[in-house]
């Protein structure tokens, strides 16, 4: 097998990787994702607080 002739696929983000290898779960997650800036900010803040609480509980 000649590796120089093989075309390697390069992913620049985890989203690209997930979209290619896990299309169903990627699509489901994108539908659940908030669309407006305020809702996105709130959900990201909640995620951050949950991560902090988990670390403090350790």
PDB file of N, CA and C in Angstrom:
ATOM      1  N   UNK A   1       0.843  -1.179   0.000  1.00  0.00           N
ATOM      2  CA  UNK A   1       0.000   0.000   0.000  1.00  0.00           C
ATOM      3  C   UNK A   1       0.884   1.237   0.000  1.00  0.00           C
ATOM      4  N   UNK A   2       0.642   2.130  -0.914  1.00  0.00           N
ATOM      5  CA  UNK A   2       1.448   3.334  -1.044  1.00  0.00           C
ATOM      6  C   UNK A   2       0.787   4.480  -0.300  1.00  0.00           C
ATOM      7  N   UNK A   3       1.383   4.866   0.830  1.00  0.00           N
ATOM      8  CA  UNK A   3       0.787   5.903   1.674  1.00  0.00           C
ATOM      9  C   UNK A   3       0.872   7.292   1.049  1.00  0.00           C
ATOM     10  N   UNK A   4       1.821   7.527   0.176  1.00  0.00           N
ATOM     11  CA  UNK A   4       1.945   8.851  -0.419  1.00  0.00           C
ATOM     12  C   UNK A   4       0.780   9.156  -1.363  1.00  0.00           C
ATOM     13  N   UNK A   5       0.147   8.127  -1.889  1.00  0.00           N
ATOM     14  CA  UNK A   5      -0.979   8.338  -2.796  1.00  0.00           C
ATOM     15  C   UNK A   5      -2.311   8.422  -2.053  1.00  0.00           C
ATOM     16  N   UNK A   6      -2.324   7.990  -0.794  1.00  0.00           N
ATOM     17  CA  UNK A   6      -3.552   8.069  -0.012  1.00  0.00           C
ATOM     18  C   UNK A   6      -3.854   9.516   0.342  1.00  0.00           C
ATOM     19  N   UNK A   7      -5.107   9.858   0.268  1.00  0.00           N
ATOM     20  CA  UNK A   7      -5.510  11.209   0.652  1.00  0.00           C
ATOM     21  C   UNK A   7      -5.962  11.163   2.104  1.00  0.00           C
ATOM     22  N   UNK A   8      -5.258  11.879   2.962  1.00  0.00           N
ATOM     23  CA  UNK A   8      -5.625  11.938   4.373  1.00  0.00           C
ATOM     24  C   UNK A   8      -6.627  13.057   4.583  1.00  0.00           C
ATOM     25  N   UNK A   9      -7.651  12.740   5.354  1.00  0.00           N
ATOM     26  CA  UNK A   9      -8.647  13.754   5.664  1.00  0.00           C
ATOM     27  C   UNK A   9      -8.199  14.509   6.903  1.00  0.00           C
ATOM     28  N   UNK A  10      -8.239  15.824   6.822  1.00  0.00           N
ATOM     29  CA  UNK A  10      -7.817  16.672   7.927  1.00  0.00           C
ATOM     30  C   UNK A  10      -9.043  17.375   8.500  1.00  0.00           C
ATOM     31  N   UNK A  11      -9.194  17.270   9.811  1.00  0.00           N
ATOM     32  CA  UNK A  11     -10.293  17.940  10.500  1.00  0.00           C
ATOM     33  C   UNK A  11      -9.718  19.123  11.261  1.00  0.00           C
ATOM     34  N   UNK A  12     -10.336  20.272  11.101  1.00  0.00           N
ATOM     35  CA  UNK A  12      -9.858  21.473  11.767  1.00  0.00           C
ATOM     36  C   UNK A  12     -10.582  21.746  13.082  1.00  0.00           C
ATOM     37  N   UNK A  13     -11.621  20.956  13.369  1.00  0.00           N
ATOM     38  CA  UNK A  13     -12.339  21.127  14.631  1.00  0.00           C
ATOM     39  C   UNK A  13     -13.028  19.819  14.999  1.00  0.00           C
ATOM     40  N   UNK A  14     -13.419  19.738  16.258  1.00  0.00           N
ATOM     41  CA  UNK A  14     -14.164  18.566  16.711  1.00  0.00           C
ATOM     42  C   UNK A  14     -15.531  18.511  16.033  1.00  0.00           C
ATOM     43  N   UNK A  15     -16.090  19.666  15.721  1.00  0.00           N
ATOM     44  CA  UNK A  15     -17.387  19.694  15.049  1.00  0.00           C
ATOM     45  C   UNK A  15     -17.301  19.025  13.682  1.00  0.00           C
ATOM     46  N   UNK A  16     -16.245  19.308  12.933  1.00  0.00           N
ATOM     47  CA  UNK A  16     -16.060  18.670  11.625  1.00  0.00           C
ATOM     48  C   UNK A  16     -15.932  17.155  11.782  1.00  0.00           C
ATOM     49  N   UNK A  17     -15.164  16.720  12.770  1.00  0.00           N
ATOM     50  CA  UNK A  17     -14.970  15.301  13.024  1.00  0.00           C
ATOM     51  C   UNK A  17     -16.291  14.624  13.371  1.00  0.00           C
ATOM     52  N   UNK A  18     -17.028  15.228  14.305  1.00  0.00           N
ATOM     53  CA  UNK A  18     -18.308  14.664  14.722  1.00  0.00           C
ATOM     54  C   UNK A  18     -19.311  14.646  13.576  1.00  0.00           C
ATOM     55  N   UNK A  19     -19.317  15.690  12.781  1.00  0.00           N
ATOM     56  CA  UNK A  19     -20.248  15.762  11.654  1.00  0.00           C
ATOM     57  C   UNK A  19     -19.965  14.638  10.662  1.00  0.00           C
ATOM     58  N   UNK A  20     -18.709  14.303  10.479  1.00  0.00           N
ATOM     59  CA  UNK A  20     -18.328  13.263   9.529  1.00  0.00           C
ATOM     60  C   UNK A  20     -18.573  11.856  10.072  1.00  0.00           C
ATOM     61  N   UNK A  21     -18.183  11.604  11.325  1.00  0.00           N
ATOM     62  CA  UNK A  21     -18.240  10.250  11.877  1.00  0.00           C
ATOM     63  C   UNK A  21     -19.496   9.951  12.704  1.00  0.00           C
ATOM     64  N   UNK A  22     -20.147  10.975  13.217  1.00  0.00           N
ATOM     65  CA  UNK A  22     -21.348  10.778  14.034  1.00  0.00           C
ATOM     66  C   UNK A  22     -22.452  11.722  13.562  1.00  0.00           C
ATOM     67  N   UNK A  23     -22.916  11.567  12.331  1.00  0.00           N
ATOM     68  CA  UNK A  23     -23.867  12.545  11.779  1.00  0.00           C
ATOM     69  C   UNK A  23     -25.199  12.625  12.522  1.00  0.00           C
ATOM     70  N   UNK A  24     -25.713  11.503  13.014  1.00  0.00           N
ATOM     71  CA  UNK A  24     -27.016  11.538  13.692  1.00  0.00           C
ATOM     72  C   UNK A  24     -26.941  12.280  15.020  1.00  0.00           C
ATOM     73  N   UNK A  25     -25.945  11.958  15.833  1.00  0.00           N
ATOM     74  CA  UNK A  25     -25.835  12.640  17.126  1.00  0.00           C
ATOM     75  C   UNK A  25     -25.450  14.109  16.934  1.00  0.00           C
ATOM     76  N   UNK A  26     -24.650  14.390  15.903  1.00  0.00           N
ATOM     77  CA  UNK A  26     -24.270  15.772  15.605  1.00  0.00           C
ATOM     78  C   UNK A  26     -25.518  16.575  15.240  1.00  0.00           C
ATOM     79  N   UNK A  27     -26.347  16.005  14.384  1.00  0.00           N
ATOM     80  CA  UNK A  27     -27.571  16.684  13.950  1.00  0.00           C
ATOM     81  C   UNK A  27     -28.507  16.922  15.132  1.00  0.00           C
ATOM     82  N   UNK A  28     -28.633  15.928  16.008  1.00  0.00           N
ATOM     83  CA  UNK A  28     -29.496  16.057  17.190  1.00  0.00           C
ATOM     84  C   UNK A  28     -28.993  17.173  18.100  1.00  0.00           C
ATOM     85  N   UNK A  29     -27.663  17.211  18.316  1.00  0.00           N
ATOM     86  CA  UNK A  29     -27.095  18.231  19.188  1.00  0.00           C
ATOM     87  C   UNK A  29     -27.247  19.623  18.598  1.00  0.00           C
ATOM     88  N   UNK A  30     -27.125  19.745  17.284  1.00  0.00           N
ATOM     89  CA  UNK A  30     -27.268  21.053  16.645  1.00  0.00           C
ATOM     90  C   UNK A  30     -28.709  21.557  16.747  1.00  0.00           C
ATOM     91  N   UNK A  31     -29.675  20.645  16.723  1.00  0.00           N
ATOM     92  CA  UNK A  31     -31.077  21.060  16.857  1.00  0.00           C
ATOM     93  C   UNK A  31     -31.387  21.517  18.267  1.00  0.00           C
ATOM     94  N   UNK A  32     -30.693  20.944  19.252  1.00  0.00           N
ATOM     95  CA  UNK A  32     -30.918  21.303  20.649  1.00  0.00           C
ATOM     96  C   UNK A  32     -30.188  22.581  21.050  1.00  0.00           C
ATOM     97  N   UNK A  33     -29.227  22.988  20.252  1.00  0.00           N
ATOM     98  CA  UNK A  33     -28.396  24.148  20.577  1.00  0.00           C
ATOM     99  C   UNK A  33     -29.204  25.440  20.492  1.00  0.00           C
ATOM    100  N   UNK A  34     -29.031  26.326  21.463  1.00  0.00           N
ATOM    101  CA  UNK A  34     -29.761  27.605  21.440  1.00  0.00           C
ATOM    102  C   UNK A  34     -29.334  28.459  20.242  1.00  0.00           C
ATOM    103  N   UNK A  35     -30.274  29.223  19.711  1.00  0.00           N
ATOM    104  CA  UNK A  35     -29.982  29.995  18.507  1.00  0.00           C
ATOM    105  C   UNK A  35     -29.702  31.474  18.774  1.00  0.00           C
ATOM    106  N   UNK A  36     -30.283  32.045  19.808  1.00  0.00           N
ATOM    107  CA  UNK A  36     -30.031  33.470  20.041  1.00  0.00           C
ATOM    108  C   UNK A  36     -28.882  33.652  21.042  1.00  0.00           C
ATOM    109  N   UNK A  37     -28.272  34.812  21.007  1.00  0.00           N
ATOM    110  CA  UNK A  37     -27.062  35.076  21.798  1.00  0.00           C
ATOM    111  C   UNK A  37     -27.322  34.995  23.300  1.00  0.00           C
ATOM    112  N   UNK A  38     -28.436  35.519  23.745  1.00  0.00           N
ATOM    113  CA  UNK A  38     -28.717  35.524  25.182  1.00  0.00           C
ATOM    114  C   UNK A  38     -28.889  34.103  25.716  1.00  0.00           C
ATOM    115  N   UNK A  39     -29.630  33.278  25.021  1.00  0.00           N
ATOM    116  CA  UNK A  39     -29.849  31.903  25.453  1.00  0.00           C
ATOM    117  C   UNK A  39     -28.546  31.118  25.416  1.00  0.00           C
ATOM    118  N   UNK A  40     -27.746  31.352  24.391  1.00  0.00           N
ATOM    119  CA  UNK A  40     -26.442  30.695  24.294  1.00  0.00           C
ATOM    120  C   UNK A  40     -25.558  31.077  25.474  1.00  0.00           C
ATOM    121  N   UNK A  41     -25.530  32.353  25.814  1.00  0.00           N
ATOM    122  CA  UNK A  41     -24.732  32.822  26.949  1.00  0.00           C
ATOM    123  C   UNK A  41     -25.171  32.188  28.261  1.00  0.00           C
ATOM    124  N   UNK A  42     -26.467  32.094  28.446  1.00  0.00           N
ATOM    125  CA  UNK A  42     -26.999  31.493  29.670  1.00  0.00           C
ATOM    126  C   UNK A  42     -26.620  30.022  29.757  1.00  0.00           C
ATOM    127  N   UNK A  43     -26.779  29.306  28.652  1.00  0.00           N
ATOM    128  CA  UNK A  43     -26.466  27.869  28.685  1.00  0.00           C
ATOM    129  C   UNK A  43     -24.971  27.631  28.894  1.00  0.00           C
ATOM    130  N   UNK A  44     -24.124  28.448  28.290  1.00  0.00           N
ATOM    131  CA  UNK A  44     -22.677  28.305  28.494  1.00  0.00           C
ATOM    132  C   UNK A  44     -22.283  28.633  29.932  1.00  0.00           C
ATOM    133  N   UNK A  45     -22.919  29.634  30.507  1.00  0.00           N
ATOM    134  CA  UNK A  45     -22.642  29.988  31.899  1.00  0.00           C
ATOM    135  C   UNK A  45     -23.050  28.850  32.830  1.00  0.00           C
ATOM    136  N   UNK A  46     -24.206  28.242  32.569  1.00  0.00           N
ATOM    137  CA  UNK A  46     -24.653  27.109  33.387  1.00  0.00           C
ATOM    138  C   UNK A  46     -23.681  25.944  33.277  1.00  0.00           C
ATOM    139  N   UNK A  47     -23.217  25.655  32.061  1.00  0.00           N
ATOM    140  CA  UNK A  47     -22.242  24.576  31.867  1.00  0.00           C
ATOM    141  C   UNK A  47     -20.972  24.855  32.662  1.00  0.00           C
ATOM    142  N   UNK A  48     -20.501  26.096  32.617  1.00  0.00           N
ATOM    143  CA  UNK A  48     -19.285  26.468  33.345  1.00  0.00           C
ATOM    144  C   UNK A  48     -19.481  26.302  34.847  1.00  0.00           C
ATOM    145  N   UNK A  49     -20.605  26.747  35.364  1.00  0.00           N
ATOM    146  CA  UNK A  49     -20.887  26.610  36.793  1.00  0.00           C
ATOM    147  C   UNK A  49     -20.975  25.143  37.201  1.00  0.00           C
ATOM    148  N   UNK A  50     -21.589  24.324  36.357  1.00  0.00           N
ATOM    149  CA  UNK A  50     -21.676  22.894  36.662  1.00  0.00           C
ATOM    150  C   UNK A  50     -20.285  22.261  36.713  1.00  0.00           C
ATOM    151  N   UNK A  51     -19.420  22.641  35.800  1.00  0.00           N
ATOM    152  CA  UNK A  51     -18.055  22.110  35.794  1.00  0.00           C
ATOM    153  C   UNK A  51     -17.292  22.540  37.050  1.00  0.00           C
ATOM    154  N   UNK A  52     -17.486  23.796  37.445  1.00  0.00           N
ATOM    155  CA  UNK A  52     -16.827  24.301  38.664  1.00  0.00           C
ATOM    156  C   UNK A  52     -17.329  23.544  39.881  1.00  0.00           C
ATOM    157  N   UNK A  53     -18.641  23.321  39.964  1.00  0.00           N
ATOM    158  CA  UNK A  53     -19.215  22.579  41.100  1.00  0.00           C
ATOM    159  C   UNK A  53     -18.654  21.164  41.159  1.00  0.00           C
ATOM    160  N   UNK A  54     -18.516  20.509  40.011  1.00  0.00           N
ATOM    161  CA  UNK A  54     -17.957  19.155  39.974  1.00  0.00           C
ATOM    162  C   UNK A  54     -16.528  19.135  40.484  1.00  0.00           C
ATOM    163  N   UNK A  55     -15.741  20.115  40.071  1.00  0.00           N
ATOM    164  CA  UNK A  55     -14.339  20.181  40.515  1.00  0.00           C
ATOM    165  C   UNK A  55     -14.232  20.436  42.012  1.00  0.00           C
ATOM    166  N   UNK A  56     -15.102  21.316  42.522  1.00  0.00           N
ATOM    167  CA  UNK A  56     -15.065  21.633  43.948  1.00  0.00           C
ATOM    168  C   UNK A  56     -15.523  20.448  44.798  1.00  0.00           C
ATOM    169  N   UNK A  57     -16.388  19.615  44.243  1.00  0.00           N
ATOM    170  CA  UNK A  57     -16.899  18.469  44.960  1.00  0.00           C
ATOM    171  C   UNK A  57     -15.847  17.353  45.087  1.00  0.00           C
ATOM    172  N   UNK A  58     -14.832  17.386  44.266  1.00  0.00           N
ATOM    173  CA  UNK A  58     -13.807  16.332  44.274  1.00  0.00           C
ATOM    174  C   UNK A  58     -12.932  16.379  45.478  1.00  0.00           C
TER     175      UNK A  58
END
